Amino acid sequence: MKTEHTSREHNAEAARRALPWKPAVLGIGAAGALWGLSSLAFAYFSTHPVRRKLRYNPSEFALPFEDISFPSRDGVRLSGWFMASPKARGAIILCHGFPNNRAEMLYWAKPLHAAGYHLLLFDFRALGLSQGELCSIGHHEIGDLLGAVDYLSARPEMRDLSLGVFGLSMGGAVALMAAAQDERIAAIATHGAYASLDRAIAQHCRLYFGPLGRVMHPPAIWWGRRWLPLDPREVSPLKAVLQMAPRPLLLFHGGRDIIVRPADARALFEAAPQPKQLHMMPRSWHVYIHPTERAAYETTLLRFFRDALRRD
């Protein structure tokens, strides 16, 4: 009996000694599960964005427009607006950012239309009213923009007119990569464009997860490749700008941008051949322009397209 009692005491003592390890093991397991689920959610909602309604249309900005649709290069049907300008001096395609839609570009459409340009605004795939379920944040969207170029170039209003592109954030990155593939794009202006998709993902991870951003970046890439088997390092406006010449390039970037860091704009500018311009706005954020910097922004944008799309 004594031996049995001693054995029970020994087992109890061993259990008490092991007990402090249990919370640690549970904590590590919970942290691992949270790490995996957080990176999964980040990757899922980046590639499967929630569609935002078009809350405005051009008529609310006193702009005439025509509802249009056209295919992307891979056949995805895209929805957009065409705004004809009497006695147009050129045409400009406006490309929105992620995860927005074409209505985001109406602010810029008004002064550009008034300056005498045909405009085309459209929704990238999986956004707005366009077809598609997956957003690649730049890769497949190149085909979307090239489809817009095909559509616009075929319209009778485009006879003898040059074509430019202006894009925000993802739309700016797509504009750079599409221009590298299609010389019909005669001038490119961007605002808040990333230098590579891999850098953009890393910056978003730091933004959303803070100090844990570095450890969230690799699993987010891994999950994303379950739906989109591509290497984000190869989605690279930084490589595309090498093929810009002799077409002019204008880069806008906010000095307080925490979504796409100003270093991306500087890297793009340094890599791009002449002619090129970098317009930094010290008080502006990602695609938000500080009120004190709006007048200079608009003047610079209009002057750029006036010179780049000049009719001889």
Protein backbone atom coordinates (compact mmCIF):
# COMPACT_ATOMS: atom_id res chain seq x y z
CA MET A 1 0.00 0.00 0.00
CA LYS A 2 2.82 2.36 0.83
CA THR A 3 4.47 1.69 -2.49
CA GLU A 4 1.21 2.43 -4.33
CA HIS A 5 0.72 5.65 -2.36
CA THR A 6 4.29 6.72 -3.11
CA SER A 7 3.76 5.99 -6.82
CA ARG A 8 0.62 8.16 -6.90
CA GLU A 9 2.49 11.01 -5.22
CA HIS A 10 5.32 10.66 -7.73
CA ASN A 11 2.91 10.78 -10.67
CA ALA A 12 1.15 13.81 -9.20
CA GLU A 13 4.45 15.60 -8.70
CA ALA A 14 5.49 14.82 -12.27
CA ALA A 15 2.18 16.16 -13.56
CA ARG A 16 2.64 19.39 -11.56
CA ARG A 17 6.12 19.84 -13.01
CA ALA A 18 4.85 19.32 -16.56
CA LEU A 19 1.89 21.67 -16.12
CA PRO A 20 3.79 24.96 -16.77
CA TRP A 21 4.70 23.70 -20.23
CA LYS A 22 1.09 23.25 -21.30
CA PRO A 23 0.17 26.95 -21.56
CA ALA A 24 3.38 27.58 -23.52
CA VAL A 25 2.59 24.80 -25.97
CA LEU A 26 -1.01 26.00 -26.33
CA GLY A 27 0.20 29.57 -26.81
CA ILE A 28 2.64 28.56 -29.53
CA GLY A 29 -0.07 26.54 -31.25
CA ALA A 30 -2.54 29.42 -31.09
CA ALA A 31 0.05 31.88 -32.40
CA GLY A 32 0.86 29.55 -35.28
CA ALA A 33 -2.80 29.15 -36.15
CA LEU A 34 -3.35 32.91 -36.00
CA TRP A 35 -0.27 33.47 -38.19
CA GLY A 36 -1.54 31.03 -40.81
CA LEU A 37 -5.14 32.29 -40.77
CA SER A 38 -4.11 35.95 -40.89
CA SER A 39 -1.85 35.42 -43.88
CA LEU A 40 -4.59 33.35 -45.56
CA ALA A 41 -7.17 36.10 -45.02
CA PHE A 42 -4.77 38.75 -46.29
CA ALA A 43 -4.03 36.77 -49.46
CA TYR A 44 -7.66 35.82 -50.03
CA PHE A 45 -9.12 39.30 -49.81
CA SER A 46 -6.28 40.70 -51.91
CA THR A 47 -7.07 38.31 -54.74
CA HIS A 48 -10.85 38.17 -54.12
CA PRO A 49 -11.65 41.85 -53.38
CA VAL A 50 -15.08 42.92 -52.22
CA ARG A 51 -16.63 44.87 -55.07
CA ARG A 52 -17.40 48.52 -54.39
CA LYS A 53 -20.48 50.11 -55.93
CA LEU A 54 -20.14 52.85 -58.50
CA ARG A 55 -21.45 55.67 -56.34
CA TYR A 56 -20.99 58.34 -59.02
CA ASN A 57 -21.24 58.61 -62.77
CA PRO A 58 -19.95 61.28 -65.17
CA SER A 59 -23.29 63.12 -65.36
CA GLU A 60 -22.82 64.19 -61.74
CA PHE A 61 -19.64 65.94 -62.89
CA ALA A 62 -21.41 67.49 -65.90
CA LEU A 63 -19.54 65.16 -68.24
CA PRO A 64 -21.16 63.55 -71.31
CA PHE A 65 -20.61 59.80 -71.46
CA GLU A 66 -21.41 56.55 -73.18
CA ASP A 67 -21.65 53.21 -71.37
CA ILE A 68 -19.32 50.76 -73.09
CA SER A 69 -17.89 47.27 -72.71
CA PHE A 70 -14.97 45.52 -74.37
CA PRO A 71 -12.90 42.36 -73.90
CA SER A 72 -9.60 42.11 -72.12
CA ARG A 73 -6.87 40.40 -74.11
CA ASP A 74 -7.90 37.06 -72.50
CA GLY A 75 -11.61 37.58 -73.16
CA VAL A 76 -12.80 38.84 -69.75
CA ARG A 77 -15.57 41.37 -70.39
CA LEU A 78 -14.81 44.81 -68.95
CA SER A 79 -17.23 47.65 -68.28
CA GLY A 80 -16.46 51.33 -68.78
CA TRP A 81 -17.37 54.85 -69.89
CA PHE A 82 -16.28 56.72 -73.00
CA MET A 83 -16.37 60.52 -72.90
CA ALA A 84 -15.98 62.22 -76.26
CA SER A 85 -14.55 65.72 -76.40
CA PRO A 86 -15.34 68.10 -79.29
CA LYS A 87 -12.23 69.03 -81.29
CA ALA A 88 -10.15 66.63 -79.20
CA ARG A 89 -6.38 67.04 -79.17
CA GLY A 90 -5.81 63.44 -77.98
CA ALA A 91 -7.23 60.64 -75.84
CA ILE A 92 -6.39 59.40 -72.36
CA ILE A 93 -7.28 56.14 -70.61
CA LEU A 94 -7.71 56.56 -66.86
CA CYS A 95 -6.87 53.53 -64.69
CA HIS A 96 -8.12 53.24 -61.11
CA GLY A 97 -6.37 51.67 -58.14
CA PHE A 98 -7.03 48.61 -55.98
CA PRO A 99 -9.69 47.81 -54.76
CA ASN A 100 -11.65 50.70 -56.27
CA ASN A 101 -13.45 51.15 -59.57
CA ARG A 102 -13.60 53.65 -62.45
CA ALA A 103 -15.57 56.21 -60.40
CA GLU A 104 -12.31 56.91 -58.53
CA MET A 105 -11.00 58.59 -61.70
CA LEU A 106 -13.85 61.08 -62.15
CA TYR A 107 -12.00 63.73 -60.13
CA TRP A 108 -9.25 63.76 -62.79
CA ALA A 109 -11.66 63.26 -65.69
CA LYS A 110 -13.24 66.69 -65.38
CA PRO A 111 -10.11 68.86 -65.95
CA LEU A 112 -8.73 66.49 -68.61
CA HIS A 113 -11.99 66.49 -70.55
CA ALA A 114 -12.20 70.27 -70.30
CA ALA A 115 -8.67 70.47 -71.69
CA GLY A 116 -9.81 68.71 -74.86
CA TYR A 117 -9.27 64.95 -74.49
CA HIS A 118 -11.42 61.95 -75.26
CA LEU A 119 -11.46 59.84 -72.10
CA LEU A 120 -11.96 56.16 -71.39
CA LEU A 121 -12.55 54.99 -67.83
CA PHE A 122 -13.06 51.29 -67.09
CA ASP A 123 -13.19 48.77 -64.26
CA PHE A 124 -10.36 46.28 -64.00
CA ARG A 125 -11.38 42.62 -63.78
CA ALA A 126 -13.11 41.48 -60.57
CA LEU A 127 -13.79 45.11 -59.69
CA GLY A 128 -16.69 47.47 -60.33
CA LEU A 129 -19.04 46.05 -62.97
CA SER A 130 -16.44 44.08 -64.93
CA GLN A 131 -16.42 40.32 -65.13
CA GLY A 132 -13.88 38.14 -63.38
CA GLU A 133 -13.45 36.67 -59.92
CA LEU A 134 -9.72 37.01 -59.32
CA CYS A 135 -7.63 40.18 -59.06
CA SER A 136 -3.88 39.77 -59.62
CA ILE A 137 -3.11 43.39 -58.57
CA GLY A 138 -1.18 44.03 -61.76
CA HIS A 139 -0.35 40.93 -63.79
CA HIS A 140 -3.55 39.99 -65.62
CA GLU A 141 -4.67 43.62 -65.49
CA ILE A 142 -2.05 44.42 -68.14
CA GLY A 143 -4.30 42.57 -70.58
CA ASP A 144 -7.25 44.63 -69.35
CA LEU A 145 -5.52 47.89 -70.23
CA LEU A 146 -4.30 46.55 -73.55
CA GLY A 147 -7.90 45.58 -74.30
CA ALA A 148 -8.89 49.18 -73.56
CA VAL A 149 -6.18 50.39 -75.94
CA ASP A 150 -7.49 48.03 -78.64
CA TYR A 151 -11.05 49.26 -78.14
CA LEU A 152 -10.23 52.96 -78.06
CA SER A 153 -7.83 52.79 -81.02
CA ALA A 154 -10.58 51.27 -83.15
CA ARG A 155 -13.09 54.05 -82.51
CA PRO A 156 -13.57 56.53 -85.38
CA GLU A 157 -13.06 59.46 -82.99
CA MET A 158 -9.42 58.41 -82.61
CA ARG A 159 -8.37 59.12 -86.18
CA ASP A 160 -4.97 60.89 -86.20
CA LEU A 161 -4.99 61.24 -82.39
CA SER A 162 -2.33 60.11 -79.92
CA LEU A 163 -3.18 58.12 -76.84
CA GLY A 164 -1.96 58.54 -73.27
CA VAL A 165 -2.59 56.67 -70.01
CA PHE A 166 -2.90 57.98 -66.48
CA GLY A 167 -3.14 55.52 -63.58
CA LEU A 168 -3.38 55.55 -59.81
CA SER A 169 -1.56 53.03 -57.59
CA MET A 170 -2.19 49.60 -59.17
CA GLY A 171 -3.51 51.39 -62.25
CA GLY A 172 -0.25 53.31 -62.53
CA ALA A 173 1.83 50.15 -62.22
CA VAL A 174 -0.32 48.51 -64.91
CA ALA A 175 0.09 51.56 -67.16
CA LEU A 176 3.88 51.23 -67.01
CA MET A 177 3.87 47.50 -67.75
CA ALA A 178 1.30 47.81 -70.55
CA ALA A 179 3.24 50.64 -72.19
CA ALA A 180 6.29 48.40 -72.30
CA GLN A 181 4.26 46.01 -74.48
CA ASP A 182 2.35 48.46 -76.68
CA GLU A 183 3.90 51.50 -78.36
CA ARG A 184 0.47 52.90 -79.18
CA ILE A 185 0.60 54.29 -75.65
CA ALA A 186 2.39 57.55 -76.40
CA ALA A 187 2.63 59.03 -72.89
CA ILE A 188 2.35 57.64 -69.37
CA ALA A 189 1.50 59.42 -66.11
CA THR A 190 1.21 57.60 -62.79
CA HIS A 191 0.39 58.46 -59.20
CA GLY A 192 1.50 56.18 -56.36
CA ALA A 193 2.66 53.32 -58.61
CA TYR A 194 4.58 50.47 -57.00
CA ALA A 195 8.00 49.38 -58.27
CA SER A 196 7.27 45.64 -58.05
CA LEU A 197 4.34 43.59 -56.79
CA ASP A 198 6.59 41.80 -54.31
CA ARG A 199 7.59 45.13 -52.78
CA ALA A 200 3.96 46.22 -52.69
CA ILE A 201 2.91 43.06 -50.83
CA ALA A 202 5.77 43.47 -48.35
CA GLN A 203 4.75 47.09 -47.69
CA HIS A 204 1.10 46.13 -47.20
CA CYS A 205 2.14 43.42 -44.74
CA ARG A 206 4.10 45.98 -42.71
CA LEU A 207 1.15 48.38 -42.87
CA TYR A 208 -1.42 45.85 -41.63
CA PHE A 209 0.70 43.71 -39.31
CA GLY A 210 3.30 46.19 -38.06
CA PRO A 211 6.50 44.55 -36.73
CA LEU A 212 5.12 41.14 -37.75
CA GLY A 213 4.96 42.21 -41.38
CA ARG A 214 8.26 40.50 -42.23
CA VAL A 215 7.03 37.10 -41.05
CA MET A 216 3.61 37.57 -42.69
CA HIS A 217 5.07 38.34 -46.12
CA PRO A 218 6.28 34.80 -47.11
CA PRO A 219 3.07 32.94 -46.14
CA ALA A 220 0.93 35.63 -47.80
CA ILE A 221 2.88 35.03 -51.03
CA TRP A 222 2.47 31.25 -50.59
CA TRP A 223 -1.29 31.49 -50.11
CA GLY A 224 -1.67 33.93 -52.99
CA ARG A 225 0.03 31.52 -55.35
CA ARG A 226 -2.67 28.92 -54.59
CA TRP A 227 -5.03 31.06 -56.68
CA LEU A 228 -2.59 32.93 -58.92
CA PRO A 229 0.50 30.86 -59.77
CA LEU A 230 2.82 33.76 -60.53
CA ASP A 231 6.00 35.16 -59.03
CA PRO A 232 5.23 38.68 -57.70
CA ARG A 233 8.86 39.65 -58.26
CA GLU A 234 8.24 39.32 -62.00
CA VAL A 235 5.31 41.77 -61.89
CA SER A 236 7.73 44.65 -62.17
CA PRO A 237 7.10 48.20 -63.40
CA LEU A 238 10.74 48.78 -62.47
CA LYS A 239 11.78 46.52 -65.35
CA ALA A 240 9.08 47.91 -67.63
CA VAL A 241 10.27 51.53 -67.42
CA LEU A 242 13.49 50.52 -69.14
CA GLN A 243 11.42 50.26 -72.32
CA MET A 244 9.70 53.66 -72.10
CA ALA A 245 11.99 55.71 -74.36
CA PRO A 246 11.38 57.86 -76.26
CA ARG A 247 7.92 58.18 -74.74
CA PRO A 248 7.56 60.73 -71.90
CA LEU A 249 6.88 59.61 -68.33
CA LEU A 250 5.44 61.59 -65.41
CA LEU A 251 5.53 60.14 -61.89
CA PHE A 252 3.50 61.64 -59.05
CA HIS A 253 3.99 60.46 -55.47
CA GLY A 254 2.95 61.62 -52.01
CA GLY A 255 5.74 62.23 -49.54
CA ARG A 256 3.57 60.80 -46.73
CA ASP A 257 2.51 57.69 -48.64
CA ILE A 258 2.60 54.69 -46.28
CA ILE A 259 0.93 52.26 -48.72
CA VAL A 260 3.51 52.57 -51.51
CA ARG A 261 6.62 54.19 -50.12
CA PRO A 262 8.20 57.22 -51.85
CA ALA A 263 11.29 55.07 -52.39
CA ASP A 264 9.36 53.20 -55.09
CA ALA A 265 8.81 56.42 -57.05
CA ARG A 266 12.48 57.32 -56.78
CA ALA A 267 13.51 53.85 -57.94
CA LEU A 268 11.19 54.09 -60.95
CA PHE A 269 12.47 57.55 -61.80
CA GLU A 270 16.12 56.53 -61.58
CA ALA A 271 15.55 53.47 -63.78
CA ALA A 272 13.49 55.25 -66.45
CA PRO A 273 15.17 56.77 -69.50
CA GLN A 274 14.57 60.36 -70.54
CA PRO A 275 12.22 62.13 -71.02
CA LYS A 276 10.89 61.78 -67.46
CA GLN A 277 9.58 63.85 -64.59
CA LEU A 278 9.18 63.11 -60.86
CA HIS A 279 6.70 65.31 -59.01
CA MET A 280 6.90 64.66 -55.26
CA MET A 281 4.21 66.15 -53.02
CA PRO A 282 5.60 66.40 -49.48
CA ARG A 283 2.20 66.87 -47.77
CA SER A 284 0.19 64.30 -49.74
CA TRP A 285 -0.52 60.63 -48.96
CA HIS A 286 -1.14 57.66 -51.23
CA VAL A 287 -3.69 58.88 -53.77
CA TYR A 288 -4.90 61.73 -51.57
CA ILE A 289 -3.61 65.12 -52.65
CA HIS A 290 -3.21 67.75 -49.97
CA PRO A 291 -5.32 70.86 -50.77
CA THR A 292 -2.21 73.05 -50.89
CA GLU A 293 -0.68 70.82 -53.59
CA ARG A 294 -3.71 70.29 -55.86
CA ALA A 295 -3.27 73.34 -58.08
CA ALA A 296 0.35 72.47 -58.92
CA TYR A 297 -0.65 68.83 -59.44
CA GLU A 298 -3.37 69.70 -61.95
CA THR A 299 -1.17 72.20 -63.78
CA THR A 300 1.66 69.65 -64.07
CA LEU A 301 -0.67 66.90 -65.31
CA LEU A 302 -2.35 69.07 -67.94
CA ARG A 303 0.96 70.49 -69.17
CA PHE A 304 2.42 67.00 -69.43
CA PHE A 305 -0.34 65.65 -71.66
CA ARG A 306 -0.52 68.91 -73.66
CA ASP A 307 3.14 68.55 -74.59
CA ALA A 308 3.20 64.73 -74.90
CA LEU A 309 0.06 64.41 -77.06
CA ARG A 310 0.63 67.53 -79.12
CA ARG A 311 -0.81 67.44 -82.63
CA ASP A 312 1.78 68.62 -85.15
